[in-house]
C-alpha cells in the first residue's frame, strides 16, 4: 500500500478566514480581503501589516481577536479521521503566530507555515516567507521522497499545491475558484471529502521503487497552470523551469 501524506490548507479549509473577522472586530474594512479574492499572498500581507501599523494594532491585539475564532465545525474530527489512515501535515501561507491558536484547538497537527517579524513593543514589521510558493515546494519534496501526496485546499493560493500532488481536492471553495480549476474534484463537506480521498487513494497505482534519482511527475501541475495561469498567475513546468503561483 502507498505511504500517503495529506497536505491540508488551514484558513477556509479547516478554520474560518481570519482576516474578515479581524476586519469586522476592528472596523477596518480593508482587512477583509483574502486570497479567495486576491491572488498574491505576500503583497496582501504587506498591505495588512501596513494597516495594522496605521491603526496601532499590535500582535497581542491581533491574537486576542484570533483566539475568539473556533475551527470549522467538524474540522478536528476530520483531521482525526485522516490521521487514523494517513500522515497529515498542515501546509499554510498563514503565520505561525496566528496558526498556533488554531493548532491547539485542532489537536496540534504538524504545521508548515510562515512567520512574522515583530518589534520588541509588539509592532508587526513584516511577514517572513520561508520560501516563495512553499506549498508546492513542500509537496514536491514529499513526492521526491516517494510519498503519495493528497492535497486539500479552498483558494487560489492552493492551486499549485493541488496540481503538484498525486491527488488534489477542493473543500469549501467558492464558485470562482472551482470554475477556474475544474480539474480538481470539489467536496461540500468533510464526510464527502474523506470518501473522495479514500476512493482516490485506493485507485492509485503503487509508487515506483525508490531510487537516488527519483523525481515526482508534475504533468498534472503543468496542465493546470497552462490552462489557468492567466487567471491566477500560477505556472508549472515539469522540466524544471521556474514556476510561479498565485499565493
Protein backbone atom coordinates (compact mmCIF):
# COMPACT_ATOMS: atom_id res chain seq x y z
CA UNK A 1 0.00 0.00 0.00
CA UNK A 2 1.19 3.50 -0.78
CA UNK A 3 2.50 5.62 2.10
CA UNK A 4 0.16 8.59 1.91
CA UNK A 5 0.71 12.10 3.25
CA UNK A 6 -2.21 14.52 3.24
CA UNK A 7 -1.20 18.18 2.97
CA UNK A 8 -4.09 20.34 4.16
CA UNK A 9 -4.54 24.10 3.90
CA UNK A 10 -5.69 25.89 7.06
CA UNK A 11 -7.72 29.08 6.54
CA UNK A 12 -11.00 28.42 4.78
CA UNK A 13 -10.28 24.69 4.70
CA UNK A 14 -10.09 23.95 8.44
CA UNK A 15 -10.85 27.32 10.00
CA UNK A 16 -12.84 30.41 9.06
CA UNK A 17 -10.92 33.06 7.17
CA UNK A 18 -9.17 35.06 9.90
CA UNK A 19 -8.89 38.49 8.34
CA UNK A 20 -12.56 39.13 7.52
CA UNK A 21 -13.27 38.51 11.22
CA UNK A 22 -10.42 40.84 12.22
CA UNK A 23 -11.87 43.46 9.85
CA UNK A 24 -15.28 43.10 11.49
CA UNK A 25 -13.90 43.36 15.03
CA UNK A 26 -11.65 46.33 14.30
CA UNK A 27 -13.91 48.14 11.86
CA UNK A 28 -11.10 48.28 9.29
CA UNK A 29 -12.88 47.27 6.11
CA UNK A 30 -9.69 46.87 4.05
CA UNK A 31 -8.54 43.97 6.24
CA UNK A 32 -11.29 41.68 4.99
CA UNK A 33 -9.61 40.76 1.69
CA UNK A 34 -8.21 37.22 1.43
CA UNK A 35 -6.54 35.02 -1.18
CA UNK A 36 -10.01 33.96 -2.27
CA UNK A 37 -10.32 37.40 -3.84
CA UNK A 38 -6.69 38.49 -4.23
CA UNK A 39 -4.11 36.11 -5.75
CA UNK A 40 -0.90 37.43 -4.17
CA UNK A 41 -0.27 36.49 -0.54
CA UNK A 42 2.96 38.44 0.06
CA UNK A 43 1.50 41.73 -1.18
CA UNK A 44 -1.70 41.03 0.73
CA UNK A 45 0.21 40.51 3.99
CA UNK A 46 2.26 43.66 3.44
CA UNK A 47 -0.99 45.58 3.00
CA UNK A 48 -2.44 44.08 6.19
CA UNK A 49 0.69 44.89 8.20
CA UNK A 50 0.65 48.47 6.95
CA UNK A 51 -2.97 48.81 8.04
CA UNK A 52 -2.14 47.38 11.47
CA UNK A 53 0.63 49.95 11.89
CA UNK A 54 -1.64 52.77 10.74
CA UNK A 55 -4.28 51.82 13.32
CA UNK A 56 -1.77 50.91 16.07
CA UNK A 57 -2.82 47.25 16.25
CA UNK A 58 -0.10 45.23 17.98
CA UNK A 59 0.46 41.49 17.68
CA UNK A 60 -1.14 40.89 21.09
CA UNK A 61 -4.25 42.77 19.95
CA UNK A 62 -4.44 40.65 16.81
CA UNK A 63 -4.02 37.35 18.67
CA UNK A 64 -6.68 38.28 21.20
CA UNK A 65 -9.15 38.64 18.34
CA UNK A 66 -7.96 35.45 16.62
CA UNK A 67 -8.48 33.46 19.82
CA UNK A 68 -12.19 34.26 19.56
CA UNK A 69 -12.40 32.18 16.36
CA UNK A 70 -13.07 28.45 16.52
CA UNK A 71 -12.14 25.95 13.80
CA UNK A 72 -14.83 24.99 11.31
CA UNK A 73 -17.41 22.59 12.73
CA UNK A 74 -16.16 19.05 12.22
CA UNK A 75 -12.60 20.09 11.31
CA UNK A 76 -10.91 18.36 14.25
CA UNK A 77 -12.90 15.15 13.69
CA UNK A 78 -11.93 15.29 10.02
CA UNK A 79 -8.23 15.53 10.88
CA UNK A 80 -8.55 12.77 13.46
CA UNK A 81 -10.18 10.53 10.85
CA UNK A 82 -7.44 11.20 8.32
CA UNK A 83 -4.69 10.60 10.88
CA UNK A 84 -6.05 7.11 11.55
CA UNK A 85 -5.20 6.21 7.93
CA UNK A 86 -2.63 8.66 6.62
CA UNK A 87 0.07 11.10 7.67
CA UNK A 88 -1.25 14.68 7.90
CA UNK A 89 0.62 17.99 7.59
CA UNK A 90 -0.95 21.44 7.61
CA UNK A 91 0.52 23.48 4.75
CA UNK A 92 -0.46 27.12 5.14
CA UNK A 93 0.60 30.54 3.92
CA UNK A 94 -0.50 31.95 7.26
CA UNK A 95 1.97 32.84 10.01
CA UNK A 96 2.86 30.62 12.94
CA UNK A 97 1.76 33.22 15.48
CA UNK A 98 -1.81 33.03 14.19
CA UNK A 99 -1.77 29.35 13.30
CA UNK A 100 -0.71 28.21 16.79
CA UNK A 101 -4.00 29.49 18.16
CA UNK A 102 -5.86 27.05 15.90
CA UNK A 103 -3.41 24.16 16.17
CA UNK A 104 -4.20 23.88 19.88
CA UNK A 105 -7.89 23.59 19.01
CA UNK A 106 -7.23 21.04 16.25
CA UNK A 107 -5.17 18.59 18.29
CA UNK A 108 -1.74 20.06 17.45
CA UNK A 109 -1.15 18.59 13.98
CA UNK A 110 2.19 19.14 12.27
CA UNK A 111 2.32 22.64 10.79
CA UNK A 112 4.41 24.15 7.98
CA UNK A 113 3.87 27.90 7.52
CA UNK A 114 5.49 31.35 7.61
CA UNK A 115 6.27 33.77 10.46
CA UNK A 116 6.02 37.42 11.44
CA UNK A 117 8.87 39.76 12.27
CA UNK A 118 7.81 41.62 15.42
CA UNK A 119 9.42 44.60 17.18
CA UNK A 120 10.04 44.49 20.96
CA UNK A 121 6.96 46.66 21.53
CA UNK A 122 4.73 44.18 19.67
CA UNK A 123 4.52 46.10 16.39
CA UNK A 124 4.31 43.73 13.43
CA UNK A 125 7.05 44.74 11.00
CA UNK A 126 6.85 42.21 8.19
CA UNK A 127 5.91 38.71 7.14
CA UNK A 128 8.84 36.36 6.69
CA UNK A 129 8.08 33.95 3.83
CA UNK A 130 10.22 30.85 4.27
CA UNK A 131 10.16 30.23 0.53
CA UNK A 132 8.09 31.53 -2.35
CA UNK A 133 5.45 29.01 -3.43
CA UNK A 134 6.12 26.98 -0.30
CA UNK A 135 3.09 24.71 -0.54
CA UNK A 136 4.08 23.45 -3.97
CA UNK A 137 7.71 23.02 -2.93
CA UNK A 138 6.59 21.05 0.12
CA UNK A 139 4.51 18.65 -1.96
CA UNK A 140 7.33 18.21 -4.46
CA UNK A 141 9.76 17.41 -1.63
CA UNK A 142 7.42 14.77 -0.23
CA UNK A 143 6.93 13.20 -3.64
CA UNK A 144 10.69 13.27 -4.12
CA UNK A 145 10.86 11.07 -1.01
CA UNK A 146 8.46 8.66 -2.75
CA UNK A 147 5.41 9.55 -0.66
CA UNK A 148 1.99 9.61 -2.26
CA UNK A 149 0.56 13.07 -1.61
CA UNK A 150 -3.07 14.12 -1.30
CA UNK A 151 -3.56 17.90 -1.18
CA UNK A 152 -6.66 19.75 0.02
CA UNK A 153 -7.38 23.47 -0.22
CA UNK A 154 -10.02 26.09 -0.87
CA UNK A 155 -8.44 29.11 -2.59
CA UNK A 156 -6.27 30.30 -5.46
CA UNK A 157 -3.07 30.05 -3.44
CA UNK A 158 -3.69 26.30 -3.03
CA UNK A 159 -3.91 25.56 -6.77
CA UNK A 160 -0.22 24.78 -7.37
CA UNK A 161 -0.12 22.52 -4.28
CA UNK A 162 -3.10 20.55 -5.60
CA UNK A 163 -1.56 20.35 -9.05
CA UNK A 164 1.77 19.05 -7.74
CA UNK A 165 0.14 16.31 -5.62
CA UNK A 166 -0.91 12.84 -6.73
CA UNK A 167 -4.47 13.83 -5.86
CA UNK A 168 -5.92 17.29 -5.28
CA UNK A 169 -9.30 18.25 -3.83
CA UNK A 170 -11.23 21.42 -3.06
CA UNK A 171 -13.37 21.75 0.04
CA UNK A 172 -15.46 24.79 0.97
CA UNK A 173 -14.05 26.50 -2.14
CA UNK A 174 -16.02 29.44 -3.61
CA UNK A 175 -17.58 29.06 -7.08
CA UNK A 176 -14.98 31.26 -8.79
CA UNK A 177 -12.11 29.03 -7.63
CA UNK A 178 -13.89 25.82 -8.61
CA UNK A 179 -14.76 27.30 -12.01
CA UNK A 180 -11.15 28.34 -12.69
CA UNK A 181 -9.79 24.91 -11.71
CA UNK A 182 -12.41 22.32 -12.78
CA UNK A 183 -9.79 19.56 -12.94
CA UNK A 184 -9.92 19.05 -9.16
CA UNK A 185 -12.86 17.34 -7.51
CA UNK A 186 -14.76 19.51 -5.03
CA UNK A 187 -16.34 18.38 -1.77
CA UNK A 188 -19.02 20.34 0.05
CA UNK A 189 -18.11 18.94 3.45
CA UNK A 190 -15.63 16.79 5.36
CA UNK A 191 -17.54 13.50 5.16
CA UNK A 192 -17.73 13.74 1.39
CA UNK A 193 -14.07 14.75 1.27
CA UNK A 194 -12.94 11.69 3.26
CA UNK A 195 -14.86 9.47 0.84
CA UNK A 196 -13.24 11.16 -2.17
CA UNK A 197 -9.77 10.82 -0.64
CA UNK A 198 -10.23 7.15 0.25
CA UNK A 199 -11.61 6.33 -3.18
CA UNK A 200 -8.87 8.24 -4.95
CA UNK A 201 -6.07 6.69 -2.91
CA UNK A 202 -7.44 3.19 -3.45
CA UNK A 203 -7.40 3.75 -7.22
CA UNK A 204 -3.81 4.98 -7.37
CA UNK A 205 -1.07 2.63 -8.58
CA UNK A 206 1.59 1.65 -6.09
CA UNK A 207 4.55 4.06 -6.06
CA UNK A 208 7.64 3.09 -8.00
CA UNK A 209 10.60 1.57 -6.20
CA UNK A 210 12.59 4.44 -4.65
CA UNK A 211 15.97 5.29 -6.13
CA UNK A 212 18.51 8.06 -5.83
CA UNK A 213 17.31 9.99 -8.87
CA UNK A 214 13.55 9.64 -8.29
CA UNK A 215 11.66 12.77 -9.18
CA UNK A 216 7.93 13.48 -8.89
CA UNK A 217 5.79 13.68 -12.00
CA UNK A 218 4.46 17.21 -12.36
CA UNK A 219 2.39 16.70 -15.52
CA UNK A 220 -0.85 17.48 -13.70
CA UNK A 221 0.54 20.68 -12.23
CA UNK A 222 1.84 21.70 -15.65
CA UNK A 223 -1.52 21.16 -17.34
CA UNK A 224 -3.41 23.03 -14.64
CA UNK A 225 -1.07 26.02 -14.73
CA UNK A 226 -1.03 26.18 -18.54
CA UNK A 227 -4.82 26.14 -18.65
CA UNK A 228 -5.39 28.66 -15.89
CA UNK A 229 -2.17 30.66 -15.47
CA UNK A 230 -3.75 33.80 -16.90
CA UNK A 231 -6.45 33.72 -14.23
CA UNK A 232 -4.23 33.12 -11.23
CA UNK A 233 -0.62 33.76 -12.19
CA UNK A 234 0.27 30.12 -11.40
CA UNK A 235 2.85 28.47 -13.65
CA UNK A 236 4.07 24.88 -13.55
CA UNK A 237 6.84 23.28 -15.64
CA UNK A 238 7.62 19.59 -15.37
CA UNK A 239 11.07 20.07 -16.97
CA UNK A 240 12.46 22.07 -14.04
CA UNK A 241 11.82 25.63 -15.24
CA UNK A 242 10.86 28.17 -12.60
CA UNK A 243 7.19 28.15 -11.82
CA UNK A 244 5.14 30.77 -10.06
CA UNK A 245 1.69 30.51 -8.44
CA UNK A 246 -0.92 32.97 -7.18
CA UNK A 247 -0.05 32.83 -3.49
